[in-house]
N, C-alpha and C. Protein backbone atom coordinates (compact mmCIF):
# COMPACT_ATOMS: atom_id res chain seq x y z
N MET A 1 -39.86 52.34 17.24
CA MET A 1 -38.67 51.99 17.97
C MET A 1 -38.70 50.51 18.37
N GLU A 2 -39.83 50.08 18.86
CA GLU A 2 -39.99 48.68 19.27
C GLU A 2 -39.84 47.75 18.07
N LEU A 3 -40.35 48.16 16.93
CA LEU A 3 -40.25 47.36 15.71
C LEU A 3 -38.79 47.24 15.27
N MET A 4 -38.02 48.31 15.40
CA MET A 4 -36.60 48.28 15.03
C MET A 4 -35.84 47.33 15.95
N LEU A 5 -36.17 47.33 17.22
CA LEU A 5 -35.51 46.46 18.18
C LEU A 5 -35.81 44.99 17.87
N VAL A 6 -37.04 44.69 17.57
CA VAL A 6 -37.43 43.32 17.22
C VAL A 6 -36.74 42.89 15.93
N THR A 7 -36.68 43.78 14.95
CA THR A 7 -36.02 43.48 13.68
C THR A 7 -34.53 43.23 13.88
N LEU A 8 -33.91 44.03 14.74
CA LEU A 8 -32.49 43.85 15.02
C LEU A 8 -32.23 42.51 15.70
N ILE A 9 -33.05 42.16 16.67
CA ILE A 9 -32.89 40.88 17.37
C ILE A 9 -33.12 39.73 16.41
N MET A 10 -34.13 39.82 15.58
CA MET A 10 -34.42 38.77 14.60
C MET A 10 -33.24 38.62 13.63
N GLY A 11 -32.67 39.73 13.21
CA GLY A 11 -31.53 39.70 12.30
C GLY A 11 -30.33 39.01 12.94
N LEU A 12 -30.07 39.33 14.21
CA LEU A 12 -28.97 38.68 14.93
C LEU A 12 -29.19 37.18 15.07
N LEU A 13 -30.39 36.79 15.42
CA LEU A 13 -30.70 35.37 15.56
C LEU A 13 -30.56 34.63 14.23
N MET A 14 -31.06 35.24 13.16
CA MET A 14 -30.95 34.62 11.84
C MET A 14 -29.47 34.48 11.45
N GLY A 15 -28.69 35.52 11.74
CA GLY A 15 -27.26 35.47 11.45
C GLY A 15 -26.58 34.33 12.19
N LEU A 16 -26.94 34.14 13.45
CA LEU A 16 -26.37 33.04 14.23
C LEU A 16 -26.74 31.69 13.65
N PHE A 17 -27.98 31.56 13.20
CA PHE A 17 -28.43 30.29 12.64
C PHE A 17 -27.73 29.97 11.32
N ILE A 18 -27.29 30.99 10.63
CA ILE A 18 -26.60 30.77 9.35
C ILE A 18 -25.10 30.59 9.56
N ILE A 19 -24.51 31.45 10.37
CA ILE A 19 -23.07 31.45 10.54
C ILE A 19 -22.58 30.33 11.45
N LEU A 20 -23.26 30.08 12.55
CA LEU A 20 -22.81 29.09 13.52
C LEU A 20 -22.66 27.68 12.91
N PRO A 21 -23.64 27.18 12.16
CA PRO A 21 -23.46 25.84 11.56
C PRO A 21 -22.27 25.78 10.60
N ARG A 22 -22.02 26.86 9.88
CA ARG A 22 -20.88 26.88 8.96
C ARG A 22 -19.57 26.83 9.72
N LEU A 23 -19.49 27.53 10.84
CA LEU A 23 -18.28 27.50 11.65
C LEU A 23 -18.05 26.11 12.23
N LEU A 24 -19.11 25.48 12.72
CA LEU A 24 -18.99 24.14 13.28
C LEU A 24 -18.59 23.14 12.21
N LYS A 25 -19.17 23.26 11.03
CA LYS A 25 -18.84 22.36 9.93
C LYS A 25 -17.39 22.55 9.51
N SER A 26 -16.91 23.76 9.48
CA SER A 26 -15.53 24.05 9.14
C SER A 26 -14.57 23.37 10.11
N ASP A 27 -14.88 23.39 11.40
CA ASP A 27 -14.03 22.73 12.39
C ASP A 27 -14.02 21.22 12.18
N ASP A 28 -15.18 20.62 11.89
CA ASP A 28 -15.26 19.18 11.66
C ASP A 28 -14.43 18.78 10.44
N THR A 29 -14.50 19.60 9.39
CA THR A 29 -13.75 19.30 8.18
C THR A 29 -12.26 19.31 8.46
N GLN A 30 -11.79 20.27 9.24
CA GLN A 30 -10.38 20.33 9.56
C GLN A 30 -9.95 19.12 10.38
N LYS A 31 -10.80 18.65 11.30
CA LYS A 31 -10.47 17.47 12.09
C LYS A 31 -10.35 16.25 11.21
N VAL A 32 -11.26 16.08 10.27
CA VAL A 32 -11.23 14.93 9.37
C VAL A 32 -9.98 14.99 8.50
N GLN A 33 -9.68 16.16 7.96
CA GLN A 33 -8.51 16.29 7.10
C GLN A 33 -7.23 15.99 7.87
N SER A 34 -7.13 16.48 9.09
CA SER A 34 -5.91 16.26 9.84
C SER A 34 -5.75 14.79 10.22
N SER A 35 -6.84 14.10 10.48
CA SER A 35 -6.72 12.70 10.85
C SER A 35 -6.38 11.84 9.64
N THR A 36 -6.82 12.23 8.45
CA THR A 36 -6.49 11.44 7.27
C THR A 36 -5.09 11.74 6.76
N THR A 37 -4.58 12.94 7.01
CA THR A 37 -3.25 13.26 6.53
C THR A 37 -2.18 12.63 7.41
N ASN A 38 -2.52 12.20 8.60
CA ASN A 38 -1.54 11.57 9.48
C ASN A 38 -1.29 10.11 9.11
N LYS A 39 -2.16 9.54 8.32
CA LYS A 39 -2.00 8.14 7.94
C LYS A 39 -0.87 8.00 6.94
N GLY A 40 -0.17 6.88 7.03
CA GLY A 40 0.86 6.59 6.06
C GLY A 40 0.24 5.95 4.83
N PRO A 41 1.06 5.44 3.94
CA PRO A 41 0.52 4.80 2.75
C PRO A 41 -0.26 3.53 3.10
N LYS A 42 -1.22 3.20 2.26
CA LYS A 42 -2.00 1.99 2.44
C LYS A 42 -1.06 0.80 2.24
N VAL A 43 -1.28 -0.24 3.03
CA VAL A 43 -0.44 -1.44 2.93
C VAL A 43 -1.30 -2.61 2.45
N TYR A 44 -0.82 -3.32 1.44
CA TYR A 44 -1.54 -4.45 0.85
C TYR A 44 -0.72 -5.72 1.01
N THR A 45 -1.41 -6.83 1.23
CA THR A 45 -0.73 -8.12 1.25
C THR A 45 -0.57 -8.60 -0.19
N LYS A 46 0.31 -9.56 -0.38
CA LYS A 46 0.50 -10.13 -1.72
C LYS A 46 -0.80 -10.80 -2.19
N ALA A 47 -1.53 -11.38 -1.25
CA ALA A 47 -2.82 -12.02 -1.60
C ALA A 47 -3.83 -10.99 -2.11
N GLU A 48 -3.85 -9.81 -1.48
CA GLU A 48 -4.77 -8.76 -1.93
C GLU A 48 -4.40 -8.28 -3.33
N VAL A 49 -3.13 -8.08 -3.57
CA VAL A 49 -2.68 -7.62 -4.88
C VAL A 49 -2.99 -8.68 -5.94
N SER A 50 -2.86 -9.94 -5.59
CA SER A 50 -3.07 -11.02 -6.57
C SER A 50 -4.49 -11.06 -7.11
N LEU A 51 -5.44 -10.46 -6.41
CA LEU A 51 -6.83 -10.42 -6.89
C LEU A 51 -7.00 -9.47 -8.08
N HIS A 52 -6.07 -8.58 -8.26
CA HIS A 52 -6.14 -7.57 -9.32
C HIS A 52 -5.27 -8.02 -10.49
N ASN A 53 -5.73 -9.06 -11.19
CA ASN A 53 -4.90 -9.74 -12.19
C ASN A 53 -5.54 -9.81 -13.58
N LYS A 54 -6.36 -8.80 -13.89
CA LYS A 54 -7.06 -8.80 -15.18
C LYS A 54 -6.78 -7.50 -15.95
N ARG A 55 -7.08 -7.54 -17.21
CA ARG A 55 -6.94 -6.34 -18.05
C ARG A 55 -7.76 -5.18 -17.48
N THR A 56 -8.92 -5.47 -16.94
CA THR A 56 -9.81 -4.43 -16.42
C THR A 56 -9.55 -4.11 -14.94
N ASP A 57 -8.61 -4.77 -14.34
CA ASP A 57 -8.25 -4.54 -12.94
C ASP A 57 -6.82 -5.07 -12.74
N CYS A 58 -5.85 -4.23 -13.06
CA CYS A 58 -4.47 -4.69 -13.13
C CYS A 58 -3.57 -3.92 -12.15
N TRP A 59 -3.11 -4.64 -11.13
CA TRP A 59 -2.15 -4.07 -10.18
C TRP A 59 -0.85 -4.83 -10.32
N ILE A 60 0.25 -4.13 -10.10
CA ILE A 60 1.56 -4.77 -10.13
C ILE A 60 2.38 -4.32 -8.92
N ILE A 61 3.38 -5.12 -8.61
CA ILE A 61 4.30 -4.80 -7.51
C ILE A 61 5.66 -4.51 -8.14
N ILE A 62 6.23 -3.37 -7.74
CA ILE A 62 7.57 -3.02 -8.19
C ILE A 62 8.35 -2.56 -6.97
N LYS A 63 9.39 -3.30 -6.63
CA LYS A 63 10.23 -2.98 -5.47
C LYS A 63 9.39 -2.71 -4.22
N GLU A 64 8.53 -3.65 -3.89
CA GLU A 64 7.72 -3.61 -2.65
C GLU A 64 6.70 -2.48 -2.62
N LYS A 65 6.43 -1.87 -3.76
CA LYS A 65 5.39 -0.84 -3.86
C LYS A 65 4.30 -1.36 -4.79
N VAL A 66 3.06 -0.97 -4.53
CA VAL A 66 1.92 -1.47 -5.29
C VAL A 66 1.39 -0.35 -6.20
N TYR A 67 1.14 -0.73 -7.45
CA TYR A 67 0.67 0.23 -8.44
C TYR A 67 -0.57 -0.31 -9.14
N ASP A 68 -1.58 0.55 -9.31
CA ASP A 68 -2.78 0.21 -10.07
C ASP A 68 -2.58 0.77 -11.48
N VAL A 69 -2.22 -0.09 -12.41
CA VAL A 69 -1.92 0.33 -13.78
C VAL A 69 -3.07 0.03 -14.74
N THR A 70 -4.25 -0.21 -14.20
CA THR A 70 -5.41 -0.56 -15.03
C THR A 70 -5.62 0.45 -16.16
N SER A 71 -5.55 1.72 -15.83
CA SER A 71 -5.81 2.75 -16.85
C SER A 71 -4.71 2.81 -17.91
N TYR A 72 -3.58 2.18 -17.67
CA TYR A 72 -2.46 2.22 -18.60
C TYR A 72 -2.36 0.97 -19.48
N VAL A 73 -3.08 -0.07 -19.13
CA VAL A 73 -2.95 -1.35 -19.84
C VAL A 73 -3.13 -1.18 -21.35
N GLU A 74 -4.16 -0.47 -21.77
CA GLU A 74 -4.43 -0.33 -23.21
C GLU A 74 -3.40 0.56 -23.91
N GLU A 75 -2.75 1.44 -23.15
CA GLU A 75 -1.76 2.35 -23.74
C GLU A 75 -0.35 1.76 -23.73
N HIS A 76 -0.16 0.67 -23.03
CA HIS A 76 1.18 0.10 -22.87
C HIS A 76 1.81 -0.22 -24.22
N PRO A 77 2.97 0.39 -24.53
CA PRO A 77 3.60 0.17 -25.83
C PRO A 77 3.98 -1.29 -26.09
N GLY A 78 4.18 -2.06 -25.03
CA GLY A 78 4.53 -3.48 -25.18
C GLY A 78 3.33 -4.38 -25.26
N GLY A 79 2.15 -3.79 -25.48
CA GLY A 79 0.93 -4.58 -25.60
C GLY A 79 0.59 -5.32 -24.32
N ASP A 80 0.23 -6.58 -24.46
CA ASP A 80 -0.20 -7.37 -23.31
C ASP A 80 0.93 -7.84 -22.40
N ALA A 81 2.16 -7.46 -22.71
CA ALA A 81 3.29 -7.86 -21.86
C ALA A 81 3.09 -7.38 -20.43
N ILE A 82 2.40 -6.27 -20.26
CA ILE A 82 2.16 -5.73 -18.92
C ILE A 82 1.28 -6.68 -18.10
N LEU A 83 0.51 -7.51 -18.78
CA LEU A 83 -0.40 -8.43 -18.09
C LEU A 83 0.30 -9.71 -17.63
N ALA A 84 1.52 -9.93 -18.09
CA ALA A 84 2.24 -11.16 -17.73
C ALA A 84 2.42 -11.30 -16.22
N HIS A 85 2.52 -10.19 -15.53
CA HIS A 85 2.70 -10.22 -14.08
C HIS A 85 1.59 -9.45 -13.36
N ALA A 86 0.43 -9.38 -13.98
CA ALA A 86 -0.71 -8.69 -13.35
C ALA A 86 -1.03 -9.37 -12.03
N GLY A 87 -1.14 -8.58 -10.98
CA GLY A 87 -1.42 -9.12 -9.65
C GLY A 87 -0.20 -9.74 -8.99
N ASP A 88 0.98 -9.49 -9.53
CA ASP A 88 2.19 -10.14 -9.02
C ASP A 88 3.37 -9.16 -9.10
N ASP A 89 4.55 -9.64 -8.74
CA ASP A 89 5.75 -8.81 -8.77
C ASP A 89 6.23 -8.64 -10.20
N SER A 90 6.37 -7.40 -10.61
CA SER A 90 6.78 -7.07 -11.96
C SER A 90 8.11 -6.30 -11.98
N THR A 91 8.85 -6.40 -10.90
CA THR A 91 10.09 -5.63 -10.77
C THR A 91 11.08 -5.93 -11.89
N ASP A 92 11.33 -7.21 -12.16
CA ASP A 92 12.31 -7.57 -13.19
C ASP A 92 11.89 -7.04 -14.56
N GLY A 93 10.64 -7.24 -14.91
CA GLY A 93 10.15 -6.75 -16.19
C GLY A 93 10.18 -5.24 -16.30
N PHE A 94 9.86 -4.57 -15.22
CA PHE A 94 9.84 -3.11 -15.22
C PHE A 94 11.24 -2.53 -15.46
N TYR A 95 12.23 -3.14 -14.85
CA TYR A 95 13.60 -2.64 -14.99
C TYR A 95 14.35 -3.27 -16.16
N GLY A 96 13.62 -3.92 -17.06
CA GLY A 96 14.23 -4.53 -18.23
C GLY A 96 14.72 -3.48 -19.23
N PRO A 97 15.53 -3.91 -20.18
CA PRO A 97 16.12 -2.97 -21.16
C PRO A 97 15.11 -2.37 -22.13
N GLN A 98 13.91 -2.94 -22.20
CA GLN A 98 12.91 -2.45 -23.15
C GLN A 98 12.28 -1.13 -22.73
N HIS A 99 12.42 -0.75 -21.47
CA HIS A 99 11.77 0.46 -20.98
C HIS A 99 12.67 1.69 -21.10
N ALA A 100 12.08 2.75 -21.61
CA ALA A 100 12.77 4.03 -21.64
C ALA A 100 12.79 4.62 -20.24
N THR A 101 13.65 5.56 -19.99
CA THR A 101 13.78 6.13 -18.64
C THR A 101 12.53 6.88 -18.21
N ARG A 102 11.67 7.29 -19.12
CA ARG A 102 10.47 8.04 -18.74
C ARG A 102 9.50 7.20 -17.91
N VAL A 103 9.55 5.87 -18.03
CA VAL A 103 8.64 5.04 -17.24
C VAL A 103 8.93 5.17 -15.75
N PHE A 104 10.17 5.50 -15.41
CA PHE A 104 10.51 5.64 -14.00
C PHE A 104 9.85 6.87 -13.39
N ASP A 105 9.59 7.88 -14.23
CA ASP A 105 8.85 9.06 -13.77
C ASP A 105 7.35 8.82 -13.79
N MET A 106 6.87 8.10 -14.78
CA MET A 106 5.43 7.86 -14.95
C MET A 106 4.85 6.98 -13.84
N ILE A 107 5.60 6.02 -13.36
CA ILE A 107 5.04 5.00 -12.48
C ILE A 107 4.47 5.58 -11.19
N ASP A 108 5.02 6.67 -10.72
CA ASP A 108 4.53 7.27 -9.48
C ASP A 108 3.05 7.69 -9.57
N ASP A 109 2.59 7.98 -10.78
CA ASP A 109 1.19 8.37 -10.96
C ASP A 109 0.23 7.22 -10.64
N PHE A 110 0.71 6.00 -10.63
CA PHE A 110 -0.14 4.83 -10.43
C PHE A 110 0.00 4.22 -9.03
N TYR A 111 0.81 4.81 -8.20
CA TYR A 111 1.09 4.29 -6.85
C TYR A 111 -0.18 4.27 -5.99
N VAL A 112 -0.46 3.13 -5.36
CA VAL A 112 -1.62 3.02 -4.46
C VAL A 112 -1.23 2.60 -3.04
N GLY A 113 0.00 2.13 -2.83
CA GLY A 113 0.42 1.74 -1.49
C GLY A 113 1.67 0.88 -1.49
N ASP A 114 1.94 0.34 -0.32
CA ASP A 114 3.13 -0.49 -0.15
C ASP A 114 2.74 -1.96 0.06
N LEU A 115 3.68 -2.84 -0.24
CA LEU A 115 3.47 -4.27 -0.02
C LEU A 115 3.76 -4.59 1.43
N ASP A 116 2.90 -5.38 2.04
CA ASP A 116 3.09 -5.78 3.42
C ASP A 116 4.30 -6.70 3.52
N GLN A 117 5.18 -6.40 4.44
CA GLN A 117 6.38 -7.21 4.62
C GLN A 117 6.04 -8.33 5.55
């Protein structure tokens, strides 16, 4: 009987040591997620965007929004034309007659933030 009581107490203590840290960690994770979801979009200055002006690091600005198009540079049907405004405002080129309407849907995949006003 005494052995069963000790085993039961040990089992309860072991359960607490396993379950309690998981519960506490779960609460911390929810706090972190809620604090990060309250943030708005990242804001970049024109100077920050201008640093991303290479084939291997290409950001563009379109209508005050910032896009990281690095992964698209090699796929761009217009070749290196996308690099003409790398790190700068590309609004006029983006809305030019050479672009099919599908680019307006695609561009959202590359959005990284807004331009600082």
